[in-house]
N, C-alpha and C. Protein backbone atom coordinates (compact mmCIF):
# COMPACT_ATOMS: atom_id res chain seq x y z
N UNK A 1 12.77 7.64 26.75
CA UNK A 1 12.42 8.65 25.77
C UNK A 1 13.20 8.45 24.46
N UNK A 2 14.46 8.11 24.58
CA UNK A 2 15.27 7.89 23.39
C UNK A 2 14.78 6.64 22.64
N UNK A 3 14.35 5.61 23.38
CA UNK A 3 13.86 4.39 22.75
C UNK A 3 12.60 4.66 21.93
N UNK A 4 11.70 5.45 22.46
CA UNK A 4 10.46 5.76 21.74
C UNK A 4 10.76 6.56 20.47
N UNK A 5 11.68 7.51 20.56
CA UNK A 5 12.06 8.27 19.37
C UNK A 5 12.72 7.38 18.32
N UNK A 6 13.54 6.45 18.77
CA UNK A 6 14.20 5.53 17.84
C UNK A 6 13.19 4.63 17.15
N UNK A 7 12.25 4.09 17.92
CA UNK A 7 11.20 3.25 17.33
C UNK A 7 10.35 4.08 16.36
N UNK A 8 10.10 5.33 16.71
CA UNK A 8 9.35 6.22 15.82
C UNK A 8 10.07 6.42 14.49
N UNK A 9 11.37 6.66 14.55
CA UNK A 9 12.14 6.85 13.32
C UNK A 9 12.21 5.56 12.51
N UNK A 10 12.31 4.43 13.18
CA UNK A 10 12.33 3.15 12.46
C UNK A 10 11.01 2.94 11.73
N UNK A 11 9.90 3.28 12.38
CA UNK A 11 8.59 3.15 11.72
C UNK A 11 8.46 4.09 10.53
N UNK A 12 8.93 5.31 10.68
CA UNK A 12 8.86 6.27 9.58
C UNK A 12 9.70 5.78 8.40
N UNK A 13 10.91 5.33 8.67
CA UNK A 13 11.78 4.86 7.60
C UNK A 13 11.24 3.59 6.95
N UNK A 14 10.67 2.68 7.76
CA UNK A 14 10.08 1.46 7.19
C UNK A 14 8.88 1.80 6.31
N UNK A 15 8.07 2.76 6.73
CA UNK A 15 6.93 3.19 5.91
C UNK A 15 7.38 3.82 4.61
N UNK A 16 8.44 4.62 4.68
CA UNK A 16 8.96 5.24 3.46
C UNK A 16 9.53 4.19 2.51
N UNK A 17 10.26 3.22 3.07
CA UNK A 17 10.82 2.15 2.24
C UNK A 17 9.71 1.32 1.61
N UNK A 18 8.67 1.04 2.36
CA UNK A 18 7.55 0.29 1.80
C UNK A 18 6.85 1.07 0.70
N UNK A 19 6.77 2.38 0.85
CA UNK A 19 6.20 3.22 -0.21
C UNK A 19 7.02 3.17 -1.49
N UNK A 20 8.34 3.17 -1.35
CA UNK A 20 9.22 3.06 -2.51
C UNK A 20 9.07 1.69 -3.18
N UNK A 21 8.98 0.64 -2.37
CA UNK A 21 8.78 -0.71 -2.92
C UNK A 21 7.45 -0.79 -3.66
N UNK A 22 6.42 -0.18 -3.13
CA UNK A 22 5.13 -0.15 -3.82
C UNK A 22 5.20 0.61 -5.13
N UNK A 23 5.95 1.70 -5.14
CA UNK A 23 6.14 2.44 -6.39
C UNK A 23 6.90 1.63 -7.42
N UNK A 24 7.91 0.90 -6.98
CA UNK A 24 8.66 0.03 -7.89
C UNK A 24 7.77 -1.08 -8.42
N UNK A 25 6.90 -1.61 -7.57
CA UNK A 25 5.95 -2.64 -8.01
C UNK A 25 4.98 -2.11 -9.04
N UNK A 26 4.53 -0.89 -8.86
CA UNK A 26 3.63 -0.30 -9.85
C UNK A 26 4.34 -0.11 -11.19
N UNK A 27 5.62 0.18 -11.14
CA UNK A 27 6.36 0.36 -12.38
C UNK A 27 6.69 -0.97 -13.05
N UNK A 28 6.93 -2.00 -12.26
CA UNK A 28 7.42 -3.27 -12.79
C UNK A 28 6.32 -4.18 -13.33
N UNK A 29 5.15 -4.21 -12.70
CA UNK A 29 4.12 -5.16 -13.10
C UNK A 29 3.51 -4.82 -14.45
N UNK A 30 3.00 -5.85 -15.17
CA UNK A 30 2.65 -5.66 -16.58
C UNK A 30 1.29 -5.02 -16.87
N UNK A 31 0.30 -5.20 -16.02
CA UNK A 31 -1.02 -4.68 -16.37
C UNK A 31 -1.62 -3.88 -15.23
N UNK A 32 -2.77 -3.29 -15.53
CA UNK A 32 -3.43 -2.38 -14.59
C UNK A 32 -3.77 -3.06 -13.27
N UNK A 33 -4.29 -4.26 -13.32
CA UNK A 33 -4.76 -4.92 -12.11
C UNK A 33 -3.61 -5.30 -11.17
N UNK A 34 -2.53 -5.78 -11.71
CA UNK A 34 -1.40 -6.12 -10.85
C UNK A 34 -0.73 -4.86 -10.31
N UNK A 35 -0.70 -3.79 -11.08
CA UNK A 35 -0.19 -2.52 -10.58
C UNK A 35 -1.08 -1.96 -9.47
N UNK A 36 -2.37 -2.10 -9.67
CA UNK A 36 -3.31 -1.65 -8.65
C UNK A 36 -3.17 -2.47 -7.38
N UNK A 37 -2.89 -3.75 -7.53
CA UNK A 37 -2.67 -4.61 -6.37
C UNK A 37 -1.42 -4.17 -5.60
N UNK A 38 -0.35 -3.88 -6.32
CA UNK A 38 0.88 -3.43 -5.67
C UNK A 38 0.65 -2.13 -4.90
N UNK A 39 -0.08 -1.22 -5.51
CA UNK A 39 -0.36 0.05 -4.84
C UNK A 39 -1.32 -0.14 -3.67
N UNK A 40 -2.35 -0.94 -3.86
CA UNK A 40 -3.35 -1.12 -2.82
C UNK A 40 -2.83 -1.81 -1.58
N UNK A 41 -1.90 -2.74 -1.76
CA UNK A 41 -1.36 -3.46 -0.60
C UNK A 41 -0.38 -2.57 0.17
N UNK A 42 0.46 -1.87 -0.54
CA UNK A 42 1.54 -1.15 0.14
C UNK A 42 1.13 0.21 0.69
N UNK A 43 0.15 0.86 0.09
CA UNK A 43 -0.13 2.23 0.54
C UNK A 43 -0.74 2.30 1.93
N UNK A 44 -1.59 1.35 2.27
CA UNK A 44 -2.20 1.37 3.60
C UNK A 44 -1.17 1.10 4.69
N UNK A 45 -0.35 0.08 4.50
CA UNK A 45 0.66 -0.23 5.50
C UNK A 45 1.74 0.84 5.56
N UNK A 46 2.09 1.39 4.43
CA UNK A 46 3.09 2.46 4.40
C UNK A 46 2.60 3.68 5.18
N UNK A 47 1.36 4.07 4.92
CA UNK A 47 0.79 5.21 5.64
C UNK A 47 0.66 4.91 7.13
N UNK A 48 0.29 3.67 7.45
CA UNK A 48 0.15 3.30 8.86
C UNK A 48 1.48 3.39 9.59
N UNK A 49 2.55 2.91 8.96
CA UNK A 49 3.86 2.97 9.60
C UNK A 49 4.35 4.40 9.77
N UNK A 50 4.15 5.22 8.75
CA UNK A 50 4.58 6.62 8.86
C UNK A 50 3.78 7.34 9.94
N UNK A 51 2.48 7.14 9.96
CA UNK A 51 1.65 7.81 10.96
C UNK A 51 1.94 7.29 12.37
N UNK A 52 2.23 5.99 12.51
CA UNK A 52 2.61 5.45 13.80
C UNK A 52 3.92 6.07 14.27
N UNK A 53 4.88 6.18 13.36
CA UNK A 53 6.15 6.80 13.71
C UNK A 53 5.98 8.26 14.12
N UNK A 54 5.16 8.99 13.39
CA UNK A 54 4.90 10.39 13.75
C UNK A 54 4.18 10.48 15.08
N UNK A 55 3.24 9.55 15.32
CA UNK A 55 2.54 9.54 16.60
C UNK A 55 3.47 9.26 17.77
N UNK A 56 4.43 8.37 17.57
CA UNK A 56 5.41 8.11 18.62
C UNK A 56 6.31 9.31 18.85
N UNK A 57 6.59 10.05 17.81
CA UNK A 57 7.43 11.25 17.95
C UNK A 57 6.72 12.36 18.73
N UNK A 58 5.39 12.45 18.57
CA UNK A 58 4.66 13.54 19.23
C UNK A 58 4.26 13.21 20.66
N UNK A 59 4.20 11.92 21.00
CA UNK A 59 3.76 11.54 22.34
C UNK A 59 2.25 11.62 22.46
N UNK A 60 1.74 11.53 23.69
CA UNK A 60 0.30 11.62 23.92
C UNK A 60 -0.11 13.08 23.87
N UNK A 61 -0.75 13.46 22.78
CA UNK A 61 -1.16 14.86 22.61
C UNK A 61 -2.33 14.90 21.63
N UNK A 62 -2.81 16.09 21.41
CA UNK A 62 -3.88 16.29 20.44
C UNK A 62 -3.40 15.95 19.04
N UNK A 63 -2.14 16.20 18.77
CA UNK A 63 -1.57 15.88 17.46
C UNK A 63 -1.59 14.38 17.21
N UNK A 64 -1.28 13.58 18.21
CA UNK A 64 -1.31 12.12 18.07
C UNK A 64 -2.74 11.65 17.81
N UNK A 65 -3.71 12.26 18.44
CA UNK A 65 -5.11 11.91 18.20
C UNK A 65 -5.52 12.24 16.77
N UNK A 66 -5.06 13.39 16.27
CA UNK A 66 -5.35 13.76 14.89
C UNK A 66 -4.71 12.78 13.91
N UNK A 67 -3.50 12.34 14.22
CA UNK A 67 -2.84 11.34 13.38
C UNK A 67 -3.61 10.02 13.39
N UNK A 68 -4.17 9.67 14.53
CA UNK A 68 -5.00 8.47 14.62
C UNK A 68 -6.26 8.61 13.76
N UNK A 69 -6.86 9.77 13.76
CA UNK A 69 -8.04 10.00 12.91
C UNK A 69 -7.68 9.93 11.42
N UNK A 70 -6.52 10.46 11.07
CA UNK A 70 -6.06 10.38 9.68
C UNK A 70 -5.86 8.92 9.29
N UNK A 71 -5.25 8.13 10.18
CA UNK A 71 -5.06 6.71 9.90
C UNK A 71 -6.39 6.00 9.73
N UNK A 72 -7.37 6.29 10.59
CA UNK A 72 -8.68 5.64 10.48
C UNK A 72 -9.32 5.96 9.13
N UNK A 73 -9.20 7.21 8.68
CA UNK A 73 -9.75 7.58 7.38
C UNK A 73 -9.03 6.83 6.25
N UNK A 74 -7.70 6.81 6.29
CA UNK A 74 -6.94 6.13 5.25
C UNK A 74 -7.18 4.62 5.26
N UNK A 75 -7.34 4.06 6.44
CA UNK A 75 -7.58 2.62 6.57
C UNK A 75 -8.89 2.22 5.89
N UNK A 76 -9.87 3.10 5.91
CA UNK A 76 -11.15 2.82 5.27
C UNK A 76 -11.18 3.26 3.81
N UNK A 77 -10.60 4.41 3.51
CA UNK A 77 -10.73 5.00 2.18
C UNK A 77 -9.81 4.36 1.15
N UNK A 78 -8.63 3.97 1.53
CA UNK A 78 -7.67 3.45 0.55
C UNK A 78 -8.11 2.12 -0.07
N UNK A 79 -8.49 1.11 0.70
CA UNK A 79 -8.98 -0.12 0.06
C UNK A 79 -10.28 0.09 -0.71
N UNK A 80 -11.11 1.00 -0.24
CA UNK A 80 -12.35 1.30 -0.95
C UNK A 80 -12.06 1.93 -2.30
N UNK A 81 -11.12 2.85 -2.35
CA UNK A 81 -10.74 3.48 -3.61
C UNK A 81 -10.11 2.47 -4.57
N UNK A 82 -9.28 1.59 -4.04
CA UNK A 82 -8.66 0.56 -4.88
C UNK A 82 -9.72 -0.36 -5.47
N UNK A 83 -10.69 -0.75 -4.67
CA UNK A 83 -11.77 -1.60 -5.16
C UNK A 83 -12.61 -0.86 -6.20
N UNK A 84 -12.89 0.41 -5.98
CA UNK A 84 -13.69 1.18 -6.93
C UNK A 84 -12.96 1.31 -8.27
N UNK A 85 -11.65 1.53 -8.24
CA UNK A 85 -10.88 1.62 -9.49
C UNK A 85 -10.90 0.29 -10.24
N UNK A 86 -10.69 -0.81 -9.53
CA UNK A 86 -10.70 -2.12 -10.18
C UNK A 86 -12.08 -2.44 -10.73
N UNK A 87 -13.12 -2.11 -9.99
CA UNK A 87 -14.49 -2.37 -10.44
C UNK A 87 -14.82 -1.53 -11.67
N UNK A 88 -14.41 -0.28 -11.68
CA UNK A 88 -14.67 0.58 -12.84
C UNK A 88 -13.91 0.09 -14.07
N UNK A 89 -12.68 -0.34 -13.88
CA UNK A 89 -11.90 -0.85 -15.01
C UNK A 89 -12.53 -2.11 -15.58
N UNK A 90 -12.96 -3.00 -14.71
CA UNK A 90 -13.60 -4.24 -15.16
C UNK A 90 -14.94 -3.95 -15.83
N UNK A 91 -15.68 -3.00 -15.29
CA UNK A 91 -16.98 -2.62 -15.85
C UNK A 91 -16.83 -2.05 -17.26
N UNK A 92 -15.74 -1.35 -17.51
CA UNK A 92 -15.52 -0.74 -18.82
C UNK A 92 -14.75 -1.65 -19.77
N UNK A 93 -14.57 -2.92 -19.40
CA UNK A 93 -14.04 -3.90 -20.33
C UNK A 93 -12.55 -4.13 -20.29
N UNK A 94 -11.83 -3.57 -19.33
CA UNK A 94 -10.39 -3.83 -19.24
C UNK A 94 -10.18 -5.21 -18.63
N UNK A 95 -9.58 -6.09 -19.41
CA UNK A 95 -9.39 -7.47 -18.96
C UNK A 95 -7.99 -7.63 -18.38
N UNK A 96 -7.86 -8.50 -17.36
CA UNK A 96 -6.52 -8.74 -16.81
C UNK A 96 -5.66 -9.53 -17.80
N UNK A 97 -4.36 -9.34 -17.71
CA UNK A 97 -3.43 -10.05 -18.57
C UNK A 97 -3.22 -11.45 -18.01
N UNK A 98 -3.50 -12.46 -18.83
CA UNK A 98 -3.32 -13.86 -18.43
C UNK A 98 -2.41 -14.50 -19.46
N UNK A 99 -1.32 -15.11 -18.97
CA UNK A 99 -0.35 -15.74 -19.87
C UNK A 99 -0.59 -17.24 -19.93
N UNK A 100 -0.24 -17.85 -21.06
CA UNK A 100 -0.36 -19.29 -21.23
C UNK A 100 0.81 -20.00 -20.57
N UNK A 101 0.68 -21.33 -20.42
CA UNK A 101 1.74 -22.13 -19.80
C UNK A 101 3.03 -22.06 -20.60
N UNK A 102 2.97 -22.00 -21.93
CA UNK A 102 4.17 -21.99 -22.75
C UNK A 102 4.97 -20.70 -22.55
N UNK A 103 4.29 -19.61 -22.30
CA UNK A 103 4.98 -18.33 -22.18
C UNK A 103 5.74 -18.19 -20.87
N UNK A 104 5.24 -18.81 -19.80
CA UNK A 104 5.92 -18.65 -18.50
C UNK A 104 6.75 -19.86 -18.11
N UNK A 105 7.07 -20.72 -19.04
CA UNK A 105 7.94 -21.85 -18.75
C UNK A 105 7.21 -23.05 -18.17
N UNK A 106 5.89 -23.03 -18.16
CA UNK A 106 5.13 -24.18 -17.68
C UNK A 106 4.95 -24.24 -16.19
N UNK A 107 5.42 -23.24 -15.47
CA UNK A 107 5.29 -23.26 -14.01
C UNK A 107 4.23 -22.26 -13.58
N UNK A 108 3.25 -22.73 -12.88
CA UNK A 108 2.27 -21.85 -12.27
C UNK A 108 1.30 -21.20 -13.24
N UNK A 109 1.20 -21.70 -14.44
CA UNK A 109 0.28 -21.10 -15.40
C UNK A 109 -1.16 -21.50 -15.13
N UNK A 110 -2.07 -20.77 -15.72
CA UNK A 110 -3.50 -21.09 -15.56
C UNK A 110 -3.98 -21.87 -16.77
N UNK A 111 -4.95 -22.73 -16.54
CA UNK A 111 -5.53 -23.50 -17.66
C UNK A 111 -6.93 -23.06 -17.90
């Protein structure tokens, strides 16, 4: 019982840390698309870890089933919303920021 609670807390804390890292990525990246990428990648896994941790804390119960339903909704809705935002931005003419080889030191630039 103690092991399950410990694993639950580790999942909750890992999900919270991943959420903070995603927030820092949204603040640090230069344009809309890279910020959206940082948010889109981290929010699903962050929510999954938090919900898994909460599910482990509650045990097999109706509450755990409800948490599973919430995860299923977030697993489908979050990437869909991220795609819709990127598609709308591109449709309205927002172009991604692309740097030249000279600006980034010649490493990994696009031609």
